[in-house]
Amino acid sequence: GKQGTRYRVKATIGTPLHKIFKAFSILVNDQDRIIIGGPMMGFSTYTHLHPVQPDMDIVMIQGRDILPEISDYPCVNCGNCLRICPANVPVNILVRYLEADLYEEADDKYDLSSCIECGLCAYVCTAKIPLFQYIRLGKHELLKLRAEV
């Protein structure tokens, strides 16, 4: 729940999340963020109609008052993302290529495919750049580009 309450739920695949929320009297507002898969490696859905999936292990609800701040400030080259990356990906440079839609170059020169998508880079980013989201988007766009060839 939003107040830190935890529930262990067994649900049928395909059940809309709102039915589970209703069963436990959890009120989800339009401004709340529903996170599937956990805070570091999960993804957000803004609809309570999202169905339960076979690989779904965690569903979190973040109230608007505790949503992490995301900015469009430029990278300050602090190096926090470089030091914490377990795959030694040069995240600060990689993301600049991704921002410029240079997906092939990002993969060839700066190891886009080597990223294990742990989310640590975004967690420690001083400028609060959504690094993890850029990397996921970059991998998705790269797959689309390669499928067209």
C-alpha atoms as a PDB file:
ATOM      1  CA  GLY A   1       0.000   0.000   0.000  1.00  0.00           C
ATOM      2  CA  LYS A   2       0.960   3.665  -0.122  1.00  0.00           C
ATOM      3  CA  GLN A   3       1.595   3.854   3.602  1.00  0.00           C
ATOM      4  CA  GLY A   4       4.344   1.225   3.488  1.00  0.00           C
ATOM      5  CA  THR A   5       1.961  -1.640   4.170  1.00  0.00           C
ATOM      6  CA  ARG A   6       2.960  -4.855   2.428  1.00  0.00           C
ATOM      7  CA  TYR A   7       0.672  -7.561   1.166  1.00  0.00           C
ATOM      8  CA  ARG A   8       1.499 -10.972  -0.247  1.00  0.00           C
ATOM      9  CA  VAL A   9      -1.052 -11.658  -2.949  1.00  0.00           C
ATOM     10  CA  LYS A  10      -1.709 -14.640  -5.158  1.00  0.00           C
ATOM     11  CA  ALA A  11      -3.642 -13.486  -8.215  1.00  0.00           C
ATOM     12  CA  THR A  12      -4.735 -15.026 -11.479  1.00  0.00           C
ATOM     13  CA  ILE A  13      -2.806 -13.904 -14.556  1.00  0.00           C
ATOM     14  CA  GLY A  14      -4.802 -11.224 -16.350  1.00  0.00           C
ATOM     15  CA  THR A  15      -6.507  -9.837 -13.234  1.00  0.00           C
ATOM     16  CA  PRO A  16      -6.573  -6.013 -13.447  1.00  0.00           C
ATOM     17  CA  LEU A  17      -4.583  -4.373 -10.655  1.00  0.00           C
ATOM     18  CA  HIS A  18      -7.591  -2.303  -9.568  1.00  0.00           C
ATOM     19  CA  LYS A  19      -9.355  -5.485  -8.420  1.00  0.00           C
ATOM     20  CA  ILE A  20      -6.436  -6.322  -6.144  1.00  0.00           C
ATOM     21  CA  PHE A  21      -6.317  -2.755  -4.835  1.00  0.00           C
ATOM     22  CA  LYS A  22     -10.057  -2.882  -4.136  1.00  0.00           C
ATOM     23  CA  ALA A  23      -9.773  -6.218  -2.302  1.00  0.00           C
ATOM     24  CA  PHE A  24      -7.277  -4.638   0.115  1.00  0.00           C
ATOM     25  CA  SER A  25      -9.044  -1.239   0.287  1.00  0.00           C
ATOM     26  CA  ILE A  26      -6.077   0.535  -1.305  1.00  0.00           C
ATOM     27  CA  LEU A  27      -7.067   3.895  -2.762  1.00  0.00           C
ATOM     28  CA  VAL A  28      -5.023   4.842  -5.842  1.00  0.00           C
ATOM     29  CA  ASN A  29      -5.337   8.424  -7.092  1.00  0.00           C
ATOM     30  CA  ASP A  30      -4.700   9.611 -10.645  1.00  0.00           C
ATOM     31  CA  GLN A  31      -1.509  11.348  -9.478  1.00  0.00           C
ATOM     32  CA  ASP A  32      -0.069   8.195  -7.906  1.00  0.00           C
ATOM     33  CA  ARG A  33       2.532   6.124  -9.700  1.00  0.00           C
ATOM     34  CA  ILE A  34       2.087   2.367  -9.939  1.00  0.00           C
ATOM     35  CA  ILE A  35       5.471   0.656 -10.250  1.00  0.00           C
ATOM     36  CA  ILE A  36       5.684  -2.923 -11.451  1.00  0.00           C
ATOM     37  CA  GLY A  37       8.899  -4.774 -10.685  1.00  0.00           C
ATOM     38  CA  GLY A  38      10.308  -2.624  -7.891  1.00  0.00           C
ATOM     39  CA  PRO A  39      11.823   0.836  -7.496  1.00  0.00           C
ATOM     40  CA  MET A  40      15.189   0.240  -9.200  1.00  0.00           C
ATOM     41  CA  MET A  41      14.490  -1.981 -12.202  1.00  0.00           C
ATOM     42  CA  GLY A  42      10.733  -1.723 -12.486  1.00  0.00           C
ATOM     43  CA  PHE A  43       8.570   0.300 -14.826  1.00  0.00           C
ATOM     44  CA  SER A  44       5.693   2.669 -14.227  1.00  0.00           C
ATOM     45  CA  THR A  45       2.149   2.317 -15.378  1.00  0.00           C
ATOM     46  CA  TYR A  46      -0.363   5.073 -14.857  1.00  0.00           C
ATOM     47  CA  THR A  47      -3.400   2.880 -15.187  1.00  0.00           C
ATOM     48  CA  HIS A  48      -4.944   0.656 -12.575  1.00  0.00           C
ATOM     49  CA  LEU A  49      -6.285  -1.479 -15.447  1.00  0.00           C
ATOM     50  CA  HIS A  50      -2.850  -3.059 -16.020  1.00  0.00           C
ATOM     51  CA  PRO A  51      -3.211  -6.858 -15.815  1.00  0.00           C
ATOM     52  CA  VAL A  52      -1.265  -9.213 -13.581  1.00  0.00           C
ATOM     53  CA  GLN A  53       1.478 -10.849 -15.654  1.00  0.00           C
ATOM     54  CA  PRO A  54       3.352 -14.139 -15.110  1.00  0.00           C
ATOM     55  CA  ASP A  55       6.647 -12.421 -14.270  1.00  0.00           C
ATOM     56  CA  MET A  56       5.120  -9.816 -11.958  1.00  0.00           C
ATOM     57  CA  ASP A  57       6.640 -10.075  -8.505  1.00  0.00           C
ATOM     58  CA  ILE A  58       6.282  -6.599  -6.983  1.00  0.00           C
ATOM     59  CA  VAL A  59       3.701  -3.843  -7.369  1.00  0.00           C
ATOM     60  CA  MET A  60       4.379  -0.581  -5.567  1.00  0.00           C
ATOM     61  CA  ILE A  61       2.300   2.561  -5.287  1.00  0.00           C
ATOM     62  CA  GLN A  62       4.080   5.873  -4.856  1.00  0.00           C
ATOM     63  CA  GLY A  63       1.998   8.800  -3.756  1.00  0.00           C
ATOM     64  CA  ARG A  64       2.569  12.056  -5.622  1.00  0.00           C
ATOM     65  CA  ASP A  65       4.100  13.594  -2.504  1.00  0.00           C
ATOM     66  CA  ILE A  66       7.029  11.131  -2.540  1.00  0.00           C
ATOM     67  CA  LEU A  67       7.693  10.878  -6.286  1.00  0.00           C
ATOM     68  CA  PRO A  68      11.406  11.371  -6.936  1.00  0.00           C
ATOM     69  CA  GLU A  69      12.371  14.579  -8.654  1.00  0.00           C
ATOM     70  CA  ILE A  70      13.455  14.285 -12.288  1.00  0.00           C
ATOM     71  CA  SER A  71      15.116  17.192 -14.007  1.00  0.00           C
ATOM     72  CA  ASP A  72      16.305  18.305 -17.392  1.00  0.00           C
ATOM     73  CA  TYR A  73      19.497  19.748 -15.931  1.00  0.00           C
ATOM     74  CA  PRO A  74      22.647  18.885 -17.868  1.00  0.00           C
ATOM     75  CA  CYS A  75      25.168  16.359 -16.627  1.00  0.00           C
ATOM     76  CA  VAL A  76      27.659  17.935 -14.201  1.00  0.00           C
ATOM     77  CA  ASN A  77      30.279  15.209 -14.817  1.00  0.00           C
ATOM     78  CA  CYS A  78      30.469  14.265 -11.154  1.00  0.00           C
ATOM     79  CA  GLY A  79      31.327  10.660 -12.073  1.00  0.00           C
ATOM     80  CA  ASN A  80      28.932   9.036  -9.600  1.00  0.00           C
ATOM     81  CA  CYS A  81      27.323   6.957 -12.354  1.00  0.00           C
ATOM     82  CA  LEU A  82      30.725   5.763 -13.579  1.00  0.00           C
ATOM     83  CA  ARG A  83      31.888   4.691 -10.131  1.00  0.00           C
ATOM     84  CA  ILE A  84      28.722   2.778  -9.275  1.00  0.00           C
ATOM     85  CA  CYS A  85      28.146   0.986 -12.607  1.00  0.00           C
ATOM     86  CA  PRO A  86      28.797  -2.767 -12.104  1.00  0.00           C
ATOM     87  CA  ALA A  87      29.238  -3.226 -15.884  1.00  0.00           C
ATOM     88  CA  ASN A  88      31.757  -0.352 -16.181  1.00  0.00           C
ATOM     89  CA  VAL A  89      29.628   1.389 -18.808  1.00  0.00           C
ATOM     90  CA  PRO A  90      30.633   5.045 -19.396  1.00  0.00           C
ATOM     91  CA  VAL A  91      27.111   6.180 -18.571  1.00  0.00           C
ATOM     92  CA  ASN A  92      27.732   9.927 -18.708  1.00  0.00           C
ATOM     93  CA  ILE A  93      28.957   9.793 -22.325  1.00  0.00           C
ATOM     94  CA  LEU A  94      26.556   7.030 -23.367  1.00  0.00           C
ATOM     95  CA  VAL A  95      23.515   9.070 -22.369  1.00  0.00           C
ATOM     96  CA  ARG A  96      24.700  12.041 -24.419  1.00  0.00           C
ATOM     97  CA  TYR A  97      24.686   9.834 -27.508  1.00  0.00           C
ATOM     98  CA  LEU A  98      21.242   8.500 -26.598  1.00  0.00           C
ATOM     99  CA  GLU A  99      19.893  12.029 -26.134  1.00  0.00           C
ATOM    100  CA  ALA A 100      21.099  12.777 -29.675  1.00  0.00           C
ATOM    101  CA  ASP A 101      19.374   9.621 -31.018  1.00  0.00           C
ATOM    102  CA  LEU A 102      22.744   8.088 -31.984  1.00  0.00           C
ATOM    103  CA  TYR A 103      21.804   4.559 -30.931  1.00  0.00           C
ATOM    104  CA  GLU A 104      24.210   2.584 -33.154  1.00  0.00           C
ATOM    105  CA  GLU A 105      27.147   4.750 -32.082  1.00  0.00           C
ATOM    106  CA  ALA A 106      26.094   4.461 -28.449  1.00  0.00           C
ATOM    107  CA  ASP A 107      26.234   0.687 -28.742  1.00  0.00           C
ATOM    108  CA  ASP A 108      29.445   0.487 -30.782  1.00  0.00           C
ATOM    109  CA  LYS A 109      31.506   3.073 -28.906  1.00  0.00           C
ATOM    110  CA  TYR A 110      30.030   3.151 -25.408  1.00  0.00           C
ATOM    111  CA  ASP A 111      28.661  -0.335 -24.666  1.00  0.00           C
ATOM    112  CA  LEU A 112      24.914   0.297 -24.612  1.00  0.00           C
ATOM    113  CA  SER A 113      24.292  -3.454 -24.819  1.00  0.00           C
ATOM    114  CA  SER A 114      26.607  -4.109 -21.852  1.00  0.00           C
ATOM    115  CA  CYS A 115      24.283  -2.295 -19.453  1.00  0.00           C
ATOM    116  CA  ILE A 116      22.586  -4.774 -17.109  1.00  0.00           C
ATOM    117  CA  GLU A 117      19.789  -2.279 -16.329  1.00  0.00           C
ATOM    118  CA  CYS A 118      20.286  -2.275 -12.568  1.00  0.00           C
ATOM    119  CA  GLY A 119      19.232   1.388 -12.252  1.00  0.00           C
ATOM    120  CA  LEU A 120      22.057   2.381  -9.912  1.00  0.00           C
ATOM    121  CA  CYS A 121      23.261   5.159 -12.226  1.00  0.00           C
ATOM    122  CA  ALA A 122      19.930   6.971 -12.076  1.00  0.00           C
ATOM    123  CA  TYR A 123      19.744   6.461  -8.317  1.00  0.00           C
ATOM    124  CA  VAL A 124      23.042   8.283  -7.696  1.00  0.00           C
ATOM    125  CA  CYS A 125      22.757  10.950 -10.409  1.00  0.00           C
ATOM    126  CA  THR A 126      23.472  14.365  -8.896  1.00  0.00           C
ATOM    127  CA  ALA A 127      21.637  16.150 -11.719  1.00  0.00           C
ATOM    128  CA  LYS A 128      18.660  13.762 -11.348  1.00  0.00           C
ATOM    129  CA  ILE A 129      18.828  12.802 -15.035  1.00  0.00           C
ATOM    130  CA  PRO A 130      16.620   9.770 -15.797  1.00  0.00           C
ATOM    131  CA  LEU A 131      19.633   7.745 -16.979  1.00  0.00           C
ATOM    132  CA  PHE A 132      17.975   4.362 -16.603  1.00  0.00           C
ATOM    133  CA  GLN A 133      15.023   5.449 -18.749  1.00  0.00           C
ATOM    134  CA  TYR A 134      17.360   6.799 -21.440  1.00  0.00           C
ATOM    135  CA  ILE A 135      19.233   3.496 -21.527  1.00  0.00           C
ATOM    136  CA  ARG A 136      16.070   1.409 -21.733  1.00  0.00           C
ATOM    137  CA  LEU A 137      14.717   3.632 -24.488  1.00  0.00           C
ATOM    138  CA  GLY A 138      18.050   3.463 -26.309  1.00  0.00           C
ATOM    139  CA  LYS A 139      18.055  -0.339 -26.245  1.00  0.00           C
ATOM    140  CA  HIS A 140      14.475  -0.397 -27.491  1.00  0.00           C
ATOM    141  CA  GLU A 141      15.230   2.015 -30.340  1.00  0.00           C
ATOM    142  CA  LEU A 142      18.358   0.046 -31.259  1.00  0.00           C
ATOM    143  CA  LEU A 143      16.313  -3.148 -31.541  1.00  0.00           C
ATOM    144  CA  LYS A 144      13.817  -1.351 -33.781  1.00  0.00           C
ATOM    145  CA  LEU A 145      16.619  -0.038 -36.002  1.00  0.00           C
ATOM    146  CA  ARG A 146      18.194  -3.468 -36.354  1.00  0.00           C
ATOM    147  CA  ALA A 147      14.830  -5.077 -37.105  1.00  0.00           C
ATOM    148  CA  GLU A 148      14.321  -2.684 -40.026  1.00  0.00           C
ATOM    149  CA  VAL A 149      17.607  -3.744 -41.653  1.00  0.00           C
END
